[in-house]
Structure formats: structure tokens, C-alpha cells
């Protein structure tokens, strides 16, 4: 997606991009928390963003707080 610069004096227009970004992050967070799919279009295909996120993070080892391994 390309972004075009637009000049406006309307504060609603100026804040729309940030508001949409916050809403998308909140939708993903809520979808992951509740197991609800969040459908988006990527490269012309409709995909469940929560499933994609879970698959990406599934294989990452998590660091355990307070239990650092000593050499």
C-alpha cells in the first residue's frame, strides 16, 4: 500500500491514520486473547491474521524471567 501525503486542516483527518493503526492493533490483541479470527486481505487473499501470528510465534523459545542460564 502506498501512502500519499495530504494536507488538511481538519483534526479528524489528521488523526485518522493513527486511530486506524490503534484500532487494528486492538483488534489483533482481542482476537488473540479470545480466539476470534481477524480477517484481512493480504496479496489479494483473505487470511486470518490471528492464525498467522500464532504460527509465526509458536516456535520461538520464550525467556523465563528470573531463570537465566549460567555458562
C-alpha atoms as a PDB file:
ATOM      1  CA  UNK A   1       0.000   0.000   0.000  1.00  0.00           C
ATOM      2  CA  UNK A   2       1.334   3.405  -0.882  1.00  0.00           C
ATOM      3  CA  UNK A   3       0.905   6.409   1.331  1.00  0.00           C
ATOM      4  CA  UNK A   4       0.208   9.802  -0.172  1.00  0.00           C
ATOM      5  CA  UNK A   5       0.781  12.967   1.738  1.00  0.00           C
ATOM      6  CA  UNK A   6      -2.334  15.032   2.015  1.00  0.00           C
ATOM      7  CA  UNK A   7      -2.629  18.428   3.552  1.00  0.00           C
ATOM      8  CA  UNK A   8      -5.670  19.147   5.653  1.00  0.00           C
ATOM      9  CA  UNK A   9      -6.635  21.420   8.484  1.00  0.00           C
ATOM     10  CA  UNK A  10      -9.288  19.028   9.777  1.00  0.00           C
ATOM     11  CA  UNK A  11      -8.035  17.390  13.015  1.00  0.00           C
ATOM     12  CA  UNK A  12     -10.194  14.313  12.348  1.00  0.00           C
ATOM     13  CA  UNK A  13      -8.465  13.742   9.021  1.00  0.00           C
ATOM     14  CA  UNK A  14      -5.032  14.335  10.523  1.00  0.00           C
ATOM     15  CA  UNK A  15      -5.619  11.798  13.313  1.00  0.00           C
ATOM     16  CA  UNK A  16      -7.341   9.132  11.206  1.00  0.00           C
ATOM     17  CA  UNK A  17      -4.191   7.166  10.337  1.00  0.00           C
ATOM     18  CA  UNK A  18      -3.101   6.886  13.970  1.00  0.00           C
ATOM     19  CA  UNK A  19      -6.639   5.953  15.042  1.00  0.00           C
ATOM     20  CA  UNK A  20      -6.864   3.186  12.416  1.00  0.00           C
ATOM     21  CA  UNK A  21      -3.477   1.822  13.489  1.00  0.00           C
ATOM     22  CA  UNK A  22      -4.579   1.735  17.140  1.00  0.00           C
ATOM     23  CA  UNK A  23      -7.857   0.042  16.179  1.00  0.00           C
ATOM     24  CA  UNK A  24      -6.050  -2.627  14.138  1.00  0.00           C
ATOM     25  CA  UNK A  25      -3.655  -3.397  16.989  1.00  0.00           C
ATOM     26  CA  UNK A  26      -6.536  -3.611  19.443  1.00  0.00           C
ATOM     27  CA  UNK A  27      -8.484  -5.922  17.097  1.00  0.00           C
ATOM     28  CA  UNK A  28      -5.469  -8.244  16.802  1.00  0.00           C
ATOM     29  CA  UNK A  29      -4.912  -8.227  20.554  1.00  0.00           C
ATOM     30  CA  UNK A  30      -8.563  -9.011  21.228  1.00  0.00           C
ATOM     31  CA  UNK A  31      -8.628 -11.718  18.555  1.00  0.00           C
ATOM     32  CA  UNK A  32      -5.565 -13.414  20.029  1.00  0.00           C
ATOM     33  CA  UNK A  33      -6.955 -13.136  23.554  1.00  0.00           C
ATOM     34  CA  UNK A  34     -10.387 -14.566  22.732  1.00  0.00           C
ATOM     35  CA  UNK A  35      -9.529 -16.910  19.867  1.00  0.00           C
ATOM     36  CA  UNK A  36     -11.640 -14.868  17.462  1.00  0.00           C
ATOM     37  CA  UNK A  37     -10.371 -14.688  13.865  1.00  0.00           C
ATOM     38  CA  UNK A  38      -9.326 -11.317  12.481  1.00  0.00           C
ATOM     39  CA  UNK A  39      -9.746 -11.420   8.718  1.00  0.00           C
ATOM     40  CA  UNK A  40      -7.626  -9.184   6.474  1.00  0.00           C
ATOM     41  CA  UNK A  41      -6.679  -9.156   2.809  1.00  0.00           C
ATOM     42  CA  UNK A  42      -3.004  -9.769   2.057  1.00  0.00           C
ATOM     43  CA  UNK A  43      -1.779 -10.036  -1.536  1.00  0.00           C
ATOM     44  CA  UNK A  44      -5.352 -10.490  -2.757  1.00  0.00           C
ATOM     45  CA  UNK A  45      -6.102 -13.366  -0.375  1.00  0.00           C
ATOM     46  CA  UNK A  46      -8.284 -13.247   2.728  1.00  0.00           C
ATOM     47  CA  UNK A  47      -6.350 -14.628   5.704  1.00  0.00           C
ATOM     48  CA  UNK A  48      -6.899 -14.962   9.436  1.00  0.00           C
ATOM     49  CA  UNK A  49      -4.332 -12.658  10.964  1.00  0.00           C
ATOM     50  CA  UNK A  50      -4.555 -14.305  14.398  1.00  0.00           C
ATOM     51  CA  UNK A  51      -3.682 -17.716  12.937  1.00  0.00           C
ATOM     52  CA  UNK A  52      -0.812 -16.217  11.003  1.00  0.00           C
ATOM     53  CA  UNK A  53       0.502 -14.521  14.145  1.00  0.00           C
ATOM     54  CA  UNK A  54       0.187 -17.707  16.227  1.00  0.00           C
ATOM     55  CA  UNK A  55       2.072 -19.733  13.593  1.00  0.00           C
ATOM     56  CA  UNK A  56       4.847 -17.160  13.485  1.00  0.00           C
ATOM     57  CA  UNK A  57       5.349 -17.026  17.249  1.00  0.00           C
ATOM     58  CA  UNK A  58       4.688 -20.702  18.026  1.00  0.00           C
ATOM     59  CA  UNK A  59       8.261 -21.876  17.537  1.00  0.00           C
ATOM     60  CA  UNK A  60      10.051 -19.045  19.294  1.00  0.00           C
ATOM     61  CA  UNK A  61      11.528 -20.031  22.652  1.00  0.00           C
ATOM     62  CA  UNK A  62      10.392 -17.805  25.457  1.00  0.00           C
ATOM     63  CA  UNK A  63      12.805 -16.416  28.001  1.00  0.00           C
ATOM     64  CA  UNK A  64      11.897 -17.253  31.562  1.00  0.00           C
ATOM     65  CA  UNK A  65      12.078 -14.347  33.949  1.00  0.00           C
ATOM     66  CA  UNK A  66      14.442 -14.844  36.850  1.00  0.00           C
ATOM     67  CA  UNK A  67      15.941 -18.061  35.491  1.00  0.00           C
ATOM     68  CA  UNK A  68      18.955 -17.055  33.480  1.00  0.00           C
ATOM     69  CA  UNK A  69      21.257 -19.898  32.432  1.00  0.00           C
ATOM     70  CA  UNK A  70      24.800 -19.584  33.633  1.00  0.00           C
ATOM     71  CA  UNK A  71      27.629 -20.728  31.360  1.00  0.00           C
END
